[in-house]
């Protein structure tokens, strides 16, 4: 999930599929199976904590490669505002819900 809040507090959400080809290619490491795990309630929660003029990228990631991602983020000078571990049972329920909706 990619969320943007402009200087006036206006909100926008971007779908990864709508990004320009070069930017979409840069995010190709994100498995398509994890897309759609976040919903509008998740977006609203994140929007509430955002300051004007900021952006949030929320990813569902597996820890096996998260270390390289976090290192790259820090090296790029980006501040990690929240790191939360979602229990496996919740992830399983989310995937089951996605499977039911398809």
C-alpha atoms as a PDB file:
ATOM      1  CA  UNK A   1       0.000   0.000   0.000  1.00  0.00           C
ATOM      2  CA  UNK A   2       1.379   3.413  -0.968  1.00  0.00           C
ATOM      3  CA  UNK A   3      -0.178   6.435   0.744  1.00  0.00           C
ATOM      4  CA  UNK A   4       0.572  10.123   0.219  1.00  0.00           C
ATOM      5  CA  UNK A   5      -0.491  13.162   2.235  1.00  0.00           C
ATOM      6  CA  UNK A   6       0.112  16.564   0.644  1.00  0.00           C
ATOM      7  CA  UNK A   7       1.012  19.776   2.488  1.00  0.00           C
ATOM      8  CA  UNK A   8      -2.684  20.714   2.809  1.00  0.00           C
ATOM      9  CA  UNK A   9      -3.589  17.319   4.282  1.00  0.00           C
ATOM     10  CA  UNK A  10      -5.064  15.916   1.047  1.00  0.00           C
ATOM     11  CA  UNK A  11      -4.812  12.150   0.824  1.00  0.00           C
ATOM     12  CA  UNK A  12      -4.035   9.810  -2.069  1.00  0.00           C
ATOM     13  CA  UNK A  13      -3.508   6.071  -2.279  1.00  0.00           C
ATOM     14  CA  UNK A  14      -1.571   4.427  -5.100  1.00  0.00           C
ATOM     15  CA  UNK A  15      -1.882   0.867  -6.283  1.00  0.00           C
ATOM     16  CA  UNK A  16       1.453  -0.666  -7.216  1.00  0.00           C
ATOM     17  CA  UNK A  17      -0.077  -1.767 -10.510  1.00  0.00           C
ATOM     18  CA  UNK A  18      -0.700   1.901 -11.432  1.00  0.00           C
ATOM     19  CA  UNK A  19       2.939   2.969 -11.079  1.00  0.00           C
ATOM     20  CA  UNK A  20       5.073   3.783 -14.144  1.00  0.00           C
ATOM     21  CA  UNK A  21       6.847   0.721 -15.557  1.00  0.00           C
ATOM     22  CA  UNK A  22      10.297   1.614 -14.162  1.00  0.00           C
ATOM     23  CA  UNK A  23       8.962   2.152 -10.629  1.00  0.00           C
ATOM     24  CA  UNK A  24       6.811  -0.975 -10.812  1.00  0.00           C
ATOM     25  CA  UNK A  25       9.891  -2.952 -11.903  1.00  0.00           C
ATOM     26  CA  UNK A  26      11.817  -1.627  -8.876  1.00  0.00           C
ATOM     27  CA  UNK A  27       9.087  -3.080  -6.635  1.00  0.00           C
ATOM     28  CA  UNK A  28       9.007  -6.406  -8.470  1.00  0.00           C
ATOM     29  CA  UNK A  29      10.437  -8.150  -5.412  1.00  0.00           C
ATOM     30  CA  UNK A  30       7.047  -7.745  -3.700  1.00  0.00           C
ATOM     31  CA  UNK A  31       5.157 -10.979  -4.270  1.00  0.00           C
ATOM     32  CA  UNK A  32       1.828 -10.496  -5.981  1.00  0.00           C
ATOM     33  CA  UNK A  33       0.258 -12.931  -3.502  1.00  0.00           C
ATOM     34  CA  UNK A  34       0.690 -10.428  -0.668  1.00  0.00           C
ATOM     35  CA  UNK A  35      -0.993  -7.582  -2.526  1.00  0.00           C
ATOM     36  CA  UNK A  36      -4.455  -6.786  -1.221  1.00  0.00           C
ATOM     37  CA  UNK A  37      -3.735  -7.773   2.392  1.00  0.00           C
ATOM     38  CA  UNK A  38      -4.250  -4.167   3.541  1.00  0.00           C
ATOM     39  CA  UNK A  39      -7.718  -2.606   3.480  1.00  0.00           C
ATOM     40  CA  UNK A  40      -9.283   0.855   3.821  1.00  0.00           C
ATOM     41  CA  UNK A  41      -9.250   0.604   7.636  1.00  0.00           C
ATOM     42  CA  UNK A  42      -5.499   0.020   7.529  1.00  0.00           C
ATOM     43  CA  UNK A  43      -5.111   3.014   5.208  1.00  0.00           C
ATOM     44  CA  UNK A  44      -7.185   5.210   7.522  1.00  0.00           C
ATOM     45  CA  UNK A  45      -5.069   4.229  10.528  1.00  0.00           C
ATOM     46  CA  UNK A  46      -1.886   5.091   8.654  1.00  0.00           C
ATOM     47  CA  UNK A  47      -3.306   8.361   7.263  1.00  0.00           C
ATOM     48  CA  UNK A  48      -4.160   9.495  10.813  1.00  0.00           C
ATOM     49  CA  UNK A  49      -0.518   9.211  11.861  1.00  0.00           C
ATOM     50  CA  UNK A  50       0.956  10.871   8.783  1.00  0.00           C
ATOM     51  CA  UNK A  51       2.231  14.437   8.813  1.00  0.00           C
ATOM     52  CA  UNK A  52       1.429  16.703   5.848  1.00  0.00           C
ATOM     53  CA  UNK A  53       3.930  16.321   3.020  1.00  0.00           C
ATOM     54  CA  UNK A  54       4.730  12.684   3.771  1.00  0.00           C
ATOM     55  CA  UNK A  55       4.343   9.272   2.187  1.00  0.00           C
ATOM     56  CA  UNK A  56       3.933   5.759   3.568  1.00  0.00           C
ATOM     57  CA  UNK A  57       4.691   2.450   1.922  1.00  0.00           C
ATOM     58  CA  UNK A  58       3.147  -0.451   3.838  1.00  0.00           C
ATOM     59  CA  UNK A  59       4.436  -3.876   2.880  1.00  0.00           C
ATOM     60  CA  UNK A  60       3.641  -7.372   4.067  1.00  0.00           C
ATOM     61  CA  UNK A  61       7.094  -8.923   4.073  1.00  0.00           C
ATOM     62  CA  UNK A  62       8.807 -12.100   5.138  1.00  0.00           C
ATOM     63  CA  UNK A  63      11.648 -11.631   7.609  1.00  0.00           C
ATOM     64  CA  UNK A  64      14.056 -13.749   5.538  1.00  0.00           C
ATOM     65  CA  UNK A  65      14.813 -10.827   3.253  1.00  0.00           C
ATOM     66  CA  UNK A  66      13.595  -7.947   5.429  1.00  0.00           C
ATOM     67  CA  UNK A  67      17.092  -7.290   6.748  1.00  0.00           C
ATOM     68  CA  UNK A  68      18.338  -6.279   3.284  1.00  0.00           C
ATOM     69  CA  UNK A  69      15.256  -4.093   2.777  1.00  0.00           C
ATOM     70  CA  UNK A  70      15.658  -2.318   6.120  1.00  0.00           C
ATOM     71  CA  UNK A  71      19.359  -1.736   5.434  1.00  0.00           C
ATOM     72  CA  UNK A  72      18.560  -0.256   2.015  1.00  0.00           C
ATOM     73  CA  UNK A  73      15.883   1.981   3.533  1.00  0.00           C
ATOM     74  CA  UNK A  74      18.241   3.286   6.221  1.00  0.00           C
ATOM     75  CA  UNK A  75      21.052   3.807   3.699  1.00  0.00           C
ATOM     76  CA  UNK A  76      18.646   5.874   1.569  1.00  0.00           C
ATOM     77  CA  UNK A  77      18.044   8.131   4.576  1.00  0.00           C
ATOM     78  CA  UNK A  78      14.430   7.051   5.080  1.00  0.00           C
ATOM     79  CA  UNK A  79      13.062   6.923   8.614  1.00  0.00           C
ATOM     80  CA  UNK A  80      11.241   3.746   9.615  1.00  0.00           C
ATOM     81  CA  UNK A  81       8.280   4.974  11.667  1.00  0.00           C
ATOM     82  CA  UNK A  82       6.741   1.635  12.611  1.00  0.00           C
ATOM     83  CA  UNK A  83       7.880  -1.957  12.642  1.00  0.00           C
ATOM     84  CA  UNK A  84       5.188  -4.397  13.708  1.00  0.00           C
ATOM     85  CA  UNK A  85       5.187  -8.194  13.599  1.00  0.00           C
ATOM     86  CA  UNK A  86       1.844  -9.618  12.555  1.00  0.00           C
ATOM     87  CA  UNK A  87       1.148 -12.999  14.169  1.00  0.00           C
ATOM     88  CA  UNK A  88       1.128 -15.938  11.735  1.00  0.00           C
ATOM     89  CA  UNK A  89      -2.500 -16.742  12.559  1.00  0.00           C
ATOM     90  CA  UNK A  90      -3.600 -13.270  11.392  1.00  0.00           C
ATOM     91  CA  UNK A  91      -1.591 -13.637   8.165  1.00  0.00           C
ATOM     92  CA  UNK A  92      -3.146 -17.054   7.537  1.00  0.00           C
ATOM     93  CA  UNK A  93      -6.626 -15.585   8.042  1.00  0.00           C
ATOM     94  CA  UNK A  94      -5.862 -12.737   5.622  1.00  0.00           C
ATOM     95  CA  UNK A  95      -4.661 -15.165   2.928  1.00  0.00           C
ATOM     96  CA  UNK A  96      -7.756 -17.344   3.480  1.00  0.00           C
ATOM     97  CA  UNK A  97      -9.955 -14.283   3.084  1.00  0.00           C
ATOM     98  CA  UNK A  98      -8.182 -13.378  -0.165  1.00  0.00           C
ATOM     99  CA  UNK A  99      -8.639 -16.920  -1.482  1.00  0.00           C
ATOM    100  CA  UNK A 100     -12.357 -16.815  -0.662  1.00  0.00           C
ATOM    101  CA  UNK A 101     -12.836 -13.510  -2.501  1.00  0.00           C
ATOM    102  CA  UNK A 102     -11.227 -14.821  -5.730  1.00  0.00           C
END
